[in-house]
Every structure is written in structure tokens, then in C-alpha cells.
């Protein structure tokens, strides 16, 4: 999963789901309208996330 802050263009955030961060070949995406929606999305997904930079 990779988060993209798109607030300058759309006001929201993209959530990219890929099979490999360094060389993705498959995946999809979601868009949420603000940080509150992003937090709700992540919480409701029940994903176990290891945050890396």
C-alpha cells in the first residue's frame, strides 16, 4: 500500500494497493476526500500496516 497526498489537486488522498512497491505489476486504488476519511478507511480495512518511508 502506498498513500499519495493529492490535496493540492483533488483535496483528497489516493490509496494505491500494489503487489510490490519497488516494481508493481498488479494492483488498484482508492480515493478518499480528506484525512478523516483516510483514517476511517484504514481503520475499517482492518489491515495490519507496517509504515515505511
C-alpha atoms as a PDB file:
ATOM      1  CA  UNK A   1       0.000   0.000   0.000  1.00  0.00           C
ATOM      2  CA  UNK A   2       1.205   3.492  -0.823  1.00  0.00           C
ATOM      3  CA  UNK A   3      -0.530   6.706   0.218  1.00  0.00           C
ATOM      4  CA  UNK A   4      -0.443   9.731  -2.068  1.00  0.00           C
ATOM      5  CA  UNK A   5      -1.406  13.171  -0.768  1.00  0.00           C
ATOM      6  CA  UNK A   6      -3.400  14.649  -3.646  1.00  0.00           C
ATOM      7  CA  UNK A   7      -4.808  17.539  -1.613  1.00  0.00           C
ATOM      8  CA  UNK A   8      -3.406  20.183  -3.966  1.00  0.00           C
ATOM      9  CA  UNK A   9      -5.255  18.721  -6.961  1.00  0.00           C
ATOM     10  CA  UNK A  10      -8.350  16.955  -5.596  1.00  0.00           C
ATOM     11  CA  UNK A  11      -8.340  17.789  -1.913  1.00  0.00           C
ATOM     12  CA  UNK A  12      -8.050  14.111  -1.013  1.00  0.00           C
ATOM     13  CA  UNK A  13      -5.760  11.119  -0.801  1.00  0.00           C
ATOM     14  CA  UNK A  14      -5.119   8.138  -3.056  1.00  0.00           C
ATOM     15  CA  UNK A  15      -4.502   4.728  -1.550  1.00  0.00           C
ATOM     16  CA  UNK A  16      -2.576   2.595  -4.029  1.00  0.00           C
ATOM     17  CA  UNK A  17      -2.594  -1.171  -3.492  1.00  0.00           C
ATOM     18  CA  UNK A  18       0.175  -2.963  -5.350  1.00  0.00           C
ATOM     19  CA  UNK A  19       1.799  -6.366  -5.259  1.00  0.00           C
ATOM     20  CA  UNK A  20       5.345  -4.937  -4.963  1.00  0.00           C
ATOM     21  CA  UNK A  21       6.292  -1.359  -4.037  1.00  0.00           C
ATOM     22  CA  UNK A  22       9.599  -1.366  -5.932  1.00  0.00           C
ATOM     23  CA  UNK A  23       8.281  -2.905  -9.184  1.00  0.00           C
ATOM     24  CA  UNK A  24       4.472  -3.130  -9.154  1.00  0.00           C
ATOM     25  CA  UNK A  25       2.813  -5.245 -11.813  1.00  0.00           C
ATOM     26  CA  UNK A  26      -0.690  -5.547 -10.348  1.00  0.00           C
ATOM     27  CA  UNK A  27      -2.916  -3.549  -8.037  1.00  0.00           C
ATOM     28  CA  UNK A  28      -5.659  -0.990  -7.722  1.00  0.00           C
ATOM     29  CA  UNK A  29      -6.504   2.230  -5.967  1.00  0.00           C
ATOM     30  CA  UNK A  30      -8.993   4.039  -3.771  1.00  0.00           C
ATOM     31  CA  UNK A  31      -9.575   7.746  -3.233  1.00  0.00           C
ATOM     32  CA  UNK A  32     -10.850   9.434  -0.070  1.00  0.00           C
ATOM     33  CA  UNK A  33     -11.864  13.071   0.278  1.00  0.00           C
ATOM     34  CA  UNK A  34      -9.879  14.116   3.373  1.00  0.00           C
ATOM     35  CA  UNK A  35      -7.713  12.982   6.288  1.00  0.00           C
ATOM     36  CA  UNK A  36     -10.728  11.981   8.396  1.00  0.00           C
ATOM     37  CA  UNK A  37     -11.976   9.737   5.577  1.00  0.00           C
ATOM     38  CA  UNK A  38      -8.461   8.290   5.196  1.00  0.00           C
ATOM     39  CA  UNK A  39      -8.292   7.435   8.891  1.00  0.00           C
ATOM     40  CA  UNK A  40     -11.752   5.848   8.719  1.00  0.00           C
ATOM     41  CA  UNK A  41     -10.815   3.884   5.584  1.00  0.00           C
ATOM     42  CA  UNK A  42      -7.656   2.462   7.168  1.00  0.00           C
ATOM     43  CA  UNK A  43      -9.470   1.634  10.414  1.00  0.00           C
ATOM     44  CA  UNK A  44     -12.354  -0.095   8.659  1.00  0.00           C
ATOM     45  CA  UNK A  45      -9.995  -2.106   6.418  1.00  0.00           C
ATOM     46  CA  UNK A  46      -8.573  -3.899   9.468  1.00  0.00           C
ATOM     47  CA  UNK A  47      -5.232  -4.139   7.681  1.00  0.00           C
ATOM     48  CA  UNK A  48      -2.079  -4.749   9.659  1.00  0.00           C
ATOM     49  CA  UNK A  49       0.172  -1.975   8.412  1.00  0.00           C
ATOM     50  CA  UNK A  50       3.916  -1.594   8.792  1.00  0.00           C
ATOM     51  CA  UNK A  51       4.670   2.032   7.942  1.00  0.00           C
ATOM     52  CA  UNK A  52       7.903   2.663   5.996  1.00  0.00           C
ATOM     53  CA  UNK A  53       9.287   5.717   4.252  1.00  0.00           C
END
